[in-house]
Amino acid sequence: MPETEKKRDYSVRHSAIHGRGVFAARKIRKGKTIIEYRGDRTTWDIASLRPDSDPDNPYHTFIFELSDGRVIDAGVKGNAARWINHSCDPNCITREDEKGRVFIEALHRIPPGEELTYDYRLSYDGRITRKVREAFACRCGMAKCRGTMLLEKKKKKRKAARKK
């Protein structure tokens, strides 16, 4: 008897959020690992020398930063996980294991047809200006939308002057 191929829990198609998106093909239970984020493991320096994934938008990348400083560049040898869009109120979360592998997991039950999303929490070196904010504008449309895919840098608290 031929071995049957396991059906995926997701499909890739056009997204109202941005370009392509990944959608639940069937009900996905809370906590389920849906897909691994795959691609070429490299350094930021090497990844930044590669051509932009979208020449019309150099801010659009498939680069996932790892805790050890390396990156996964899904523009090279990547899989469907690279099409999962950002949301400020996501239904998925990313988890990096001890080997530096990144997995996308369901935060709650996801019904069939719903787009899979996670909060990109993008880091940006340098001052976050209005132009930078516009380049990394969020398109999720959620009520809790913060307007950017960037991870906000915490403002330093000023110490109160002490009176003697």
Protein backbone atom coordinates (compact mmCIF):
# COMPACT_ATOMS: atom_id res chain seq x y z
CA MET A 1 0.00 0.00 0.00
CA PRO A 2 1.48 3.41 -0.95
CA GLU A 3 2.38 5.76 1.87
CA THR A 4 0.03 8.74 2.04
CA GLU A 5 1.54 12.20 2.21
CA LYS A 6 0.58 14.17 5.31
CA LYS A 7 -1.54 17.19 4.45
CA ARG A 8 -0.23 20.53 5.61
CA ASP A 9 -2.09 22.61 8.17
CA TYR A 10 -1.61 25.71 6.00
CA SER A 11 -1.69 27.06 2.47
CA VAL A 12 -0.01 30.07 0.85
CA ARG A 13 -2.15 32.54 -1.09
CA HIS A 14 -2.79 36.26 -1.60
CA SER A 15 -3.11 38.25 1.64
CA ALA A 16 -5.11 41.38 2.41
CA ILE A 17 -2.34 42.35 4.85
CA HIS A 18 0.57 42.24 2.40
CA GLY A 19 1.46 40.27 -0.74
CA ARG A 20 1.35 36.58 0.01
CA GLY A 21 0.18 35.14 3.29
CA VAL A 22 -0.11 31.79 5.04
CA PHE A 23 -3.59 30.59 5.98
CA ALA A 24 -4.92 27.77 8.14
CA ALA A 25 -6.05 24.94 5.87
CA ARG A 26 -7.88 23.29 8.79
CA LYS A 27 -8.50 24.01 12.45
CA ILE A 28 -5.20 24.41 14.30
CA ARG A 29 -5.19 23.79 18.04
CA LYS A 30 -3.61 26.13 20.59
CA GLY A 31 0.09 25.37 21.15
CA LYS A 32 0.52 23.36 17.93
CA THR A 33 3.81 23.78 16.08
CA ILE A 34 2.73 24.73 12.56
CA ILE A 35 5.96 25.19 10.62
CA GLU A 36 9.70 25.75 11.04
CA TYR A 37 11.18 29.00 9.69
CA ARG A 38 13.84 27.75 7.28
CA GLY A 39 16.52 29.33 5.16
CA ASP A 40 20.24 29.93 4.92
CA ARG A 41 21.88 30.44 8.33
CA THR A 42 24.41 33.22 8.04
CA THR A 43 25.58 36.50 9.51
CA TRP A 44 23.90 39.92 9.20
CA ASP A 45 26.92 41.12 7.22
CA ILE A 46 26.57 38.41 4.58
CA ALA A 47 22.76 38.64 4.43
CA SER A 48 22.91 42.43 3.97
CA LEU A 49 25.17 42.03 0.92
CA ARG A 50 22.56 39.91 -0.88
CA PRO A 51 20.09 41.45 -3.34
CA ASP A 52 16.85 42.79 -1.86
CA SER A 53 13.96 40.33 -1.91
CA ASP A 54 11.84 43.15 -3.37
CA PRO A 55 13.85 45.72 -5.38
CA ASP A 56 10.95 48.20 -5.08
CA ASN A 57 11.00 47.92 -1.28
CA PRO A 58 14.45 47.40 0.25
CA TYR A 59 12.89 47.20 3.74
CA HIS A 60 11.05 44.00 2.81
CA THR A 61 13.23 41.06 3.85
CA PHE A 62 12.96 37.42 4.81
CA ILE A 63 15.59 37.67 7.53
CA PHE A 64 14.93 36.29 11.00
CA GLU A 65 17.40 37.30 13.72
CA LEU A 66 18.55 34.56 16.10
CA SER A 67 19.52 34.97 19.75
CA ASP A 68 23.19 34.19 18.99
CA GLY A 69 23.47 37.09 16.52
CA ARG A 70 23.21 35.01 13.36
CA VAL A 71 20.22 35.17 11.04
CA ILE A 72 18.06 32.85 8.99
CA ASP A 73 17.76 34.27 5.47
CA ALA A 74 14.60 32.68 4.05
CA GLY A 75 15.26 34.47 0.75
CA VAL A 76 17.79 31.65 0.24
CA LYS A 77 16.48 28.08 0.67
CA GLY A 78 13.43 29.40 2.52
CA ASN A 79 10.04 27.75 2.92
CA ALA A 80 6.42 28.89 3.26
CA ALA A 81 7.07 30.36 6.73
CA ARG A 82 8.65 33.40 5.05
CA TRP A 83 5.17 34.41 3.85
CA ILE A 84 3.66 34.63 7.35
CA ASN A 85 2.73 38.28 7.82
CA HIS A 86 3.10 40.55 10.83
CA SER A 87 0.25 41.48 13.14
CA CYS A 88 0.18 43.58 16.29
CA ASP A 89 -2.48 41.15 17.61
CA PRO A 90 -1.11 37.84 16.28
CA ASN A 91 -2.51 34.32 16.42
CA CYS A 92 0.98 32.73 16.40
CA ILE A 93 4.27 33.13 18.23
CA THR A 94 7.82 32.23 17.28
CA ARG A 95 9.95 29.96 19.44
CA GLU A 96 13.69 29.44 19.07
CA ASP A 97 15.00 26.14 20.42
CA GLU A 98 18.43 25.41 21.92
CA LYS A 99 19.78 24.52 18.45
CA GLY A 100 18.77 27.88 16.97
CA ARG A 101 15.83 26.47 15.03
CA VAL A 102 12.76 28.71 14.86
CA PHE A 103 9.23 27.35 14.98
CA ILE A 104 5.88 29.08 14.53
CA GLU A 105 3.25 27.94 17.05
CA ALA A 106 -0.44 28.73 17.50
CA LEU A 107 -1.20 31.13 20.38
CA HIS A 108 -4.84 30.02 20.40
CA ARG A 109 -7.19 27.90 18.33
CA ILE A 110 -7.08 29.09 14.71
CA PRO A 111 -10.11 28.36 12.51
CA PRO A 112 -9.76 27.22 8.89
CA GLY A 113 -9.19 30.11 6.48
CA GLU A 114 -7.71 32.51 9.05
CA GLU A 115 -4.39 34.09 8.12
CA LEU A 116 -1.45 33.07 10.30
CA THR A 117 0.44 36.02 11.80
CA TYR A 118 3.07 36.77 14.41
CA ASP A 119 4.54 39.98 15.81
CA TYR A 120 7.78 40.58 13.92
CA ARG A 121 9.22 42.82 16.66
CA LEU A 122 11.85 44.01 14.17
CA SER A 123 15.04 45.53 15.49
CA TYR A 124 16.49 48.60 13.81
CA ASP A 125 19.94 50.05 14.40
CA GLY A 126 19.85 53.80 14.55
CA ARG A 127 17.32 56.49 15.26
CA ILE A 128 13.73 55.65 14.41
CA THR A 129 12.60 58.62 12.36
CA ARG A 130 9.27 59.24 10.67
CA LYS A 131 10.75 57.93 7.39
CA VAL A 132 11.88 54.71 9.11
CA ARG A 133 8.46 54.31 10.76
CA GLU A 134 6.79 54.70 7.35
CA ALA A 135 9.13 52.13 5.80
CA PHE A 136 8.20 49.65 8.55
CA ALA A 137 4.51 50.61 8.75
CA CYS A 138 2.14 47.92 9.93
CA ARG A 139 -0.77 46.92 7.70
CA CYS A 140 -2.45 44.43 10.04
CA GLY A 141 -5.60 46.52 10.54
CA MET A 142 -6.15 45.19 14.07
CA ALA A 143 -7.79 47.29 16.78
CA LYS A 144 -4.57 46.95 18.82
CA CYS A 145 -2.33 48.01 15.90
CA ARG A 146 0.66 50.07 17.06
CA GLY A 147 1.34 51.30 13.51
CA THR A 148 4.79 49.72 13.09
CA MET A 149 6.42 46.30 12.78
CA LEU A 150 9.39 47.63 14.76
CA LEU A 151 10.11 46.68 18.31
CA GLU A 152 9.87 49.95 20.16
CA LYS A 153 13.01 50.94 21.98
CA LYS A 154 12.36 51.68 25.61
CA LYS A 155 12.81 55.30 26.48
CA LYS A 156 15.34 55.95 29.17
CA LYS A 157 13.83 57.34 32.32
CA ARG A 158 15.34 60.54 33.56
CA LYS A 159 16.52 60.46 37.08
CA ALA A 160 14.88 63.04 39.27
CA ALA A 161 17.26 65.69 40.55
CA ARG A 162 17.93 65.21 44.23
CA LYS A 163 17.61 68.13 46.55
CA LYS A 164 20.15 68.44 49.30
